Amino acid sequence: MARVSPCVRVCRIAEDGLCVGCARTTAEIAIWSRIDDAEAIAIMDTLPARRSPGGPGNSHTEQIVE
């Protein structure tokens, strides 16, 4: 079975280094297909906090890096 990805196809990296859509770092996105399930789960577990109010995932809405 294929691993679930947090990607929502809103792929833009903000100034803080997080993807606007999934809140992963560029490094996490780059290695996603090569990491084991435990590493993927560990990353997935951090994503809600990155998206929470005041978290790094919400500090970049107006600072998109193209």
PDB file of N, CA and C in Angstrom:
ATOM      1  N   MET A   1       0.849  -1.182   0.000  1.00  0.00           N
ATOM      2  CA  MET A   1       0.000   0.000   0.000  1.00  0.00           C
ATOM      3  C   MET A   1       0.895   1.246   0.000  1.00  0.00           C
ATOM      4  N   ALA A   2       0.523   2.219  -0.790  1.00  0.00           N
ATOM      5  CA  ALA A   2       1.293   3.460  -0.867  1.00  0.00           C
ATOM      6  C   ALA A   2       1.094   4.291   0.389  1.00  0.00           C
ATOM      7  N   ARG A   3       2.135   4.994   0.754  1.00  0.00           N
ATOM      8  CA  ARG A   3       2.078   5.865   1.924  1.00  0.00           C
ATOM      9  C   ARG A   3       1.216   7.085   1.617  1.00  0.00           C
ATOM     10  N   VAL A   4       0.453   7.520   2.581  1.00  0.00           N
ATOM     11  CA  VAL A   4      -0.342   8.735   2.463  1.00  0.00           C
ATOM     12  C   VAL A   4       0.607   9.927   2.513  1.00  0.00           C
ATOM     13  N   SER A   5       0.350  10.899   1.676  1.00  0.00           N
ATOM     14  CA  SER A   5       1.158  12.113   1.661  1.00  0.00           C
ATOM     15  C   SER A   5       0.327  13.280   2.184  1.00  0.00           C
ATOM     16  N   PRO A   6       0.961  14.192   2.913  1.00  0.00           N
ATOM     17  CA  PRO A   6       0.240  15.375   3.377  1.00  0.00           C
ATOM     18  C   PRO A   6       0.067  16.429   2.284  1.00  0.00           C
ATOM     19  N   CYS A   7       0.610  16.173   1.113  1.00  0.00           N
ATOM     20  CA  CYS A   7       0.536  17.130   0.016  1.00  0.00           C
ATOM     21  C   CYS A   7      -0.917  17.397  -0.370  1.00  0.00           C
ATOM     22  N   VAL A   8      -1.259  18.680  -0.493  1.00  0.00           N
ATOM     23  CA  VAL A   8      -2.595  19.086  -0.932  1.00  0.00           C
ATOM     24  C   VAL A   8      -2.523  19.841  -2.261  1.00  0.00           C
ATOM     25  N   ARG A   9      -1.386  19.723  -2.926  1.00  0.00           N
ATOM     26  CA  ARG A   9      -1.143  20.329  -4.239  1.00  0.00           C
ATOM     27  C   ARG A   9      -1.248  21.854  -4.225  1.00  0.00           C
ATOM     28  N   VAL A  10      -0.830  22.437  -3.126  1.00  0.00           N
ATOM     29  CA  VAL A  10      -0.672  23.889  -3.010  1.00  0.00           C
ATOM     30  C   VAL A  10       0.807  24.088  -2.684  1.00  0.00           C
ATOM     31  N   CYS A  11       1.636  23.848  -3.670  1.00  0.00           N
ATOM     32  CA  CYS A  11       3.079  23.747  -3.457  1.00  0.00           C
ATOM     33  C   CYS A  11       3.776  25.088  -3.667  1.00  0.00           C
ATOM     34  N   ARG A  12       3.887  25.822  -2.589  1.00  0.00           N
ATOM     35  CA  ARG A  12       4.636  27.078  -2.579  1.00  0.00           C
ATOM     36  C   ARG A  12       5.402  27.116  -1.270  1.00  0.00           C
ATOM     37  N   ILE A  13       6.667  27.457  -1.347  1.00  0.00           N
ATOM     38  CA  ILE A  13       7.498  27.518  -0.153  1.00  0.00           C
ATOM     39  C   ILE A  13       7.510  28.955   0.351  1.00  0.00           C
ATOM     40  N   ALA A  14       7.159  29.116   1.607  1.00  0.00           N
ATOM     41  CA  ALA A  14       7.116  30.434   2.230  1.00  0.00           C
ATOM     42  C   ALA A  14       8.505  30.818   2.724  1.00  0.00           C
ATOM     43  N   GLU A  15       8.625  32.058   3.129  1.00  0.00           N
ATOM     44  CA  GLU A  15       9.895  32.588   3.612  1.00  0.00           C
ATOM     45  C   GLU A  15      10.447  31.800   4.797  1.00  0.00           C
ATOM     46  N   ASP A  16       9.565  31.223   5.599  1.00  0.00           N
ATOM     47  CA  ASP A  16      10.022  30.447   6.759  1.00  0.00           C
ATOM     48  C   ASP A  16      10.466  29.037   6.379  1.00  0.00           C
ATOM     49  N   GLY A  17      10.425  28.696   5.081  1.00  0.00           N
ATOM     50  CA  GLY A  17      10.907  27.405   4.618  1.00  0.00           C
ATOM     51  C   GLY A  17       9.877  26.300   4.610  1.00  0.00           C
ATOM     52  N   LEU A  18       8.636  26.611   4.968  1.00  0.00           N
ATOM     53  CA  LEU A  18       7.580  25.601   4.990  1.00  0.00           C
ATOM     54  C   LEU A  18       6.681  25.740   3.774  1.00  0.00           C
ATOM     55  N   CYS A  19       6.211  24.614   3.294  1.00  0.00           N
ATOM     56  CA  CYS A  19       5.248  24.624   2.199  1.00  0.00           C
ATOM     57  C   CYS A  19       3.929  25.200   2.712  1.00  0.00           C
ATOM     58  N   VAL A  20       3.353  26.094   1.953  1.00  0.00           N
ATOM     59  CA  VAL A  20       2.084  26.714   2.325  1.00  0.00           C
ATOM     60  C   VAL A  20       0.975  25.672   2.401  1.00  0.00           C
ATOM     61  N   GLY A  21       1.022  24.671   1.548  1.00  0.00           N
ATOM     62  CA  GLY A  21      -0.027  23.664   1.514  1.00  0.00           C
ATOM     63  C   GLY A  21       0.086  22.604   2.589  1.00  0.00           C
ATOM     64  N   CYS A  22       1.257  21.989   2.714  1.00  0.00           N
ATOM     65  CA  CYS A  22       1.381  20.831   3.609  1.00  0.00           C
ATOM     66  C   CYS A  22       2.191  21.102   4.870  1.00  0.00           C
ATOM     67  N   ALA A  23       2.871  22.213   4.949  1.00  0.00           N
ATOM     68  CA  ALA A  23       3.672  22.619   6.111  1.00  0.00           C
ATOM     69  C   ALA A  23       4.949  21.811   6.288  1.00  0.00           C
ATOM     70  N   ARG A  24       5.343  21.050   5.256  1.00  0.00           N
ATOM     71  CA  ARG A  24       6.628  20.356   5.332  1.00  0.00           C
ATOM     72  C   ARG A  24       7.737  21.281   4.859  1.00  0.00           C
ATOM     73  N   THR A  25       8.966  20.974   5.282  1.00  0.00           N
ATOM     74  CA  THR A  25      10.131  21.704   4.791  1.00  0.00           C
ATOM     75  C   THR A  25      10.499  21.169   3.416  1.00  0.00           C
ATOM     76  N   THR A  26      11.322  21.916   2.697  1.00  0.00           N
ATOM     77  CA  THR A  26      11.764  21.426   1.394  1.00  0.00           C
ATOM     78  C   THR A  26      12.565  20.137   1.549  1.00  0.00           C
ATOM     79  N   ALA A  27      13.331  20.017   2.612  1.00  0.00           N
ATOM     80  CA  ALA A  27      14.099  18.787   2.855  1.00  0.00           C
ATOM     81  C   ALA A  27      13.163  17.601   3.074  1.00  0.00           C
ATOM     82  N   GLU A  28      12.103  17.806   3.839  1.00  0.00           N
ATOM     83  CA  GLU A  28      11.133  16.731   4.086  1.00  0.00           C
ATOM     84  C   GLU A  28      10.422  16.319   2.803  1.00  0.00           C
ATOM     85  N   ILE A  29      10.081  17.293   1.983  1.00  0.00           N
ATOM     86  CA  ILE A  29       9.430  16.997   0.706  1.00  0.00           C
ATOM     87  C   ILE A  29      10.376  16.193  -0.183  1.00  0.00           C
ATOM     88  N   ALA A  30      11.638  16.597  -0.221  1.00  0.00           N
ATOM     89  CA  ALA A  30      12.621  15.939  -1.084  1.00  0.00           C
ATOM     90  C   ALA A  30      12.864  14.482  -0.709  1.00  0.00           C
ATOM     91  N   ILE A  31      12.832  14.157   0.573  1.00  0.00           N
ATOM     92  CA  ILE A  31      13.136  12.790   1.010  1.00  0.00           C
ATOM     93  C   ILE A  31      11.902  11.920   1.204  1.00  0.00           C
ATOM     94  N   TRP A  32      10.721  12.498   1.038  1.00  0.00           N
ATOM     95  CA  TRP A  32       9.479  11.805   1.390  1.00  0.00           C
ATOM     96  C   TRP A  32       9.380  10.398   0.801  1.00  0.00           C
ATOM     97  N   SER A  33       9.696  10.225  -0.444  1.00  0.00           N
ATOM     98  CA  SER A  33       9.539   8.910  -1.084  1.00  0.00           C
ATOM     99  C   SER A  33      10.617   7.913  -0.664  1.00  0.00           C
ATOM    100  N   ARG A  34      11.656   8.377   0.029  1.00  0.00           N
ATOM    101  CA  ARG A  34      12.756   7.492   0.415  1.00  0.00           C
ATOM    102  C   ARG A  34      12.794   7.157   1.901  1.00  0.00           C
ATOM    103  N   ILE A  35      11.986   7.814   2.715  1.00  0.00           N
ATOM    104  CA  ILE A  35      12.029   7.545   4.152  1.00  0.00           C
ATOM    105  C   ILE A  35      11.121   6.374   4.506  1.00  0.00           C
ATOM    106  N   ASP A  36      11.399   5.787   5.669  1.00  0.00           N
ATOM    107  CA  ASP A  36      10.553   4.669   6.091  1.00  0.00           C
ATOM    108  C   ASP A  36       9.283   5.196   6.762  1.00  0.00           C
ATOM    109  N   ASP A  37       8.370   4.281   7.033  1.00  0.00           N
ATOM    110  CA  ASP A  37       7.074   4.673   7.588  1.00  0.00           C
ATOM    111  C   ASP A  37       7.205   5.375   8.938  1.00  0.00           C
ATOM    112  N   ALA A  38       8.132   4.933   9.776  1.00  0.00           N
ATOM    113  CA  ALA A  38       8.310   5.559  11.092  1.00  0.00           C
ATOM    114  C   ALA A  38       8.732   7.018  10.952  1.00  0.00           C
ATOM    115  N   GLU A  39       9.637   7.289  10.017  1.00  0.00           N
ATOM    116  CA  GLU A  39      10.066   8.673   9.787  1.00  0.00           C
ATOM    117  C   GLU A  39       8.914   9.510   9.232  1.00  0.00           C
ATOM    118  N   ALA A  40       8.136   8.943   8.330  1.00  0.00           N
ATOM    119  CA  ALA A  40       6.995   9.667   7.760  1.00  0.00           C
ATOM    120  C   ALA A  40       5.970   9.994   8.839  1.00  0.00           C
ATOM    121  N   ILE A  41       5.707   9.033   9.709  1.00  0.00           N
ATOM    122  CA  ILE A  41       4.760   9.268  10.805  1.00  0.00           C
ATOM    123  C   ILE A  41       5.275  10.359  11.731  1.00  0.00           C
ATOM    124  N   ALA A  42       6.572  10.346  12.011  1.00  0.00           N
ATOM    125  CA  ALA A  42       7.156  11.378  12.876  1.00  0.00           C
ATOM    126  C   ALA A  42       6.974  12.765  12.262  1.00  0.00           C
ATOM    127  N   ILE A  43       7.174  12.879  10.966  1.00  0.00           N
ATOM    128  CA  ILE A  43       6.970  14.165  10.288  1.00  0.00           C
ATOM    129  C   ILE A  43       5.493  14.542  10.325  1.00  0.00           C
ATOM    130  N   MET A  44       4.623  13.602   9.984  1.00  0.00           N
ATOM    131  CA  MET A  44       3.178  13.869   9.976  1.00  0.00           C
ATOM    132  C   MET A  44       2.694  14.340  11.348  1.00  0.00           C
ATOM    133  N   ASP A  45       3.273  13.781  12.404  1.00  0.00           N
ATOM    134  CA  ASP A  45       2.876  14.171  13.760  1.00  0.00           C
ATOM    135  C   ASP A  45       3.211  15.622  14.078  1.00  0.00           C
ATOM    136  N   THR A  46       4.201  16.205  13.394  1.00  0.00           N
ATOM    137  CA  THR A  46       4.588  17.596  13.664  1.00  0.00           C
ATOM    138  C   THR A  46       3.758  18.608  12.880  1.00  0.00           C
ATOM    139  N   LEU A  47       3.082  18.162  11.833  1.00  0.00           N
ATOM    140  CA  LEU A  47       2.396  19.099  10.937  1.00  0.00           C
ATOM    141  C   LEU A  47       1.263  19.889  11.582  1.00  0.00           C
ATOM    142  N   PRO A  48       0.418  19.297  12.427  1.00  0.00           N
ATOM    143  CA  PRO A  48      -0.649  20.107  13.034  1.00  0.00           C
ATOM    144  C   PRO A  48      -0.116  21.301  13.833  1.00  0.00           C
ATOM    145  N   ALA A  49       0.965  21.122  14.560  1.00  0.00           N
ATOM    146  CA  ALA A  49       1.529  22.232  15.337  1.00  0.00           C
ATOM    147  C   ALA A  49       2.095  23.312  14.421  1.00  0.00           C
ATOM    148  N   ARG A  50       2.629  22.910  13.297  1.00  0.00           N
ATOM    149  CA  ARG A  50       3.163  23.887  12.346  1.00  0.00           C
ATOM    150  C   ARG A  50       2.044  24.730  11.752  1.00  0.00           C
ATOM    151  N   ARG A  51       0.848  24.171  11.664  1.00  0.00           N
ATOM    152  CA  ARG A  51      -0.296  24.884  11.084  1.00  0.00           C
ATOM    153  C   ARG A  51      -1.115  25.631  12.124  1.00  0.00           C
ATOM    154  N   SER A  52      -0.856  25.401  13.403  1.00  0.00           N
ATOM    155  CA  SER A  52      -1.682  25.993  14.452  1.00  0.00           C
ATOM    156  C   SER A  52      -1.473  27.500  14.535  1.00  0.00           C
ATOM    157  N   PRO A  53      -2.469  28.238  15.070  1.00  0.00           N
ATOM    158  CA  PRO A  53      -2.315  29.688  15.214  1.00  0.00           C
ATOM    159  C   PRO A  53      -1.046  30.012  15.991  1.00  0.00           C
ATOM    160  N   GLY A  54      -0.249  30.877  15.426  1.00  0.00           N
ATOM    161  CA  GLY A  54       1.006  31.258  16.060  1.00  0.00           C
ATOM    162  C   GLY A  54       2.146  30.309  15.754  1.00  0.00           C
ATOM    163  N   GLY A  55       1.839  29.163  15.148  1.00  0.00           N
ATOM    164  CA  GLY A  55       2.884  28.212  14.779  1.00  0.00           C
ATOM    165  C   GLY A  55       3.552  28.651  13.494  1.00  0.00           C
ATOM    166  N   PRO A  56       4.689  28.067  13.182  1.00  0.00           N
ATOM    167  CA  PRO A  56       5.408  28.497  11.984  1.00  0.00           C
ATOM    168  C   PRO A  56       4.611  28.311  10.706  1.00  0.00           C
ATOM    169  N   GLY A  57       3.698  27.359  10.681  1.00  0.00           N
ATOM    170  CA  GLY A  57       2.904  27.117   9.482  1.00  0.00           C
ATOM    171  C   GLY A  57       1.898  28.199   9.170  1.00  0.00           C
ATOM    172  N   ASN A  58       1.647  29.113  10.095  1.00  0.00           N
ATOM    173  CA  ASN A  58       0.705  30.202   9.839  1.00  0.00           C
ATOM    174  C   ASN A  58       1.366  31.566   9.836  1.00  0.00           C
ATOM    175  N   SER A  59       2.660  31.608   9.970  1.00  0.00           N
ATOM    176  CA  SER A  59       3.344  32.895  10.012  1.00  0.00           C
ATOM    177  C   SER A  59       3.734  33.373   8.625  1.00  0.00           C
ATOM    178  N   HIS A  60       3.433  32.597   7.588  1.00  0.00           N
ATOM    179  CA  HIS A  60       3.966  32.899   6.271  1.00  0.00           C
ATOM    180  C   HIS A  60       2.923  33.202   5.204  1.00  0.00           C
ATOM    181  N   THR A  61       1.713  33.454   5.567  1.00  0.00           N
ATOM    182  CA  THR A  61       0.667  33.580   4.558  1.00  0.00           C
ATOM    183  C   THR A  61       0.906  34.708   3.566  1.00  0.00           C
ATOM    184  N   GLU A  62       1.568  35.748   3.962  1.00  0.00           N
ATOM    185  CA  GLU A  62       1.807  36.866   3.051  1.00  0.00           C
ATOM    186  C   GLU A  62       3.249  36.937   2.574  1.00  0.00           C
ATOM    187  N   GLN A  63       4.058  35.947   2.904  1.00  0.00           N
ATOM    188  CA  GLN A  63       5.474  36.008   2.568  1.00  0.00           C
ATOM    189  C   GLN A  63       5.877  34.825   1.701  1.00  0.00           C
ATOM    190  N   ILE A  64       5.224  34.677   0.582  1.00  0.00           N
ATOM    191  CA  ILE A  64       5.476  33.559  -0.317  1.00  0.00           C
ATOM    192  C   ILE A  64       6.759  33.814  -1.105  1.00  0.00           C
ATOM    193  N   VAL A  65       7.599  32.795  -1.191  1.00  0.00           N
ATOM    194  CA  VAL A  65       8.809  32.868  -2.001  1.00  0.00           C
ATOM    195  C   VAL A  65       8.521  32.144  -3.301  1.00  0.00           C
ATOM    196  N   GLU A  66       8.613  32.835  -4.403  1.00  0.00           N
ATOM    197  CA  GLU A  66       8.316  32.225  -5.715  1.00  0.00           C
ATOM    198  C   GLU A  66       9.585  31.743  -6.365  1.00  0.00           C
TER     199      GLU A  66
END
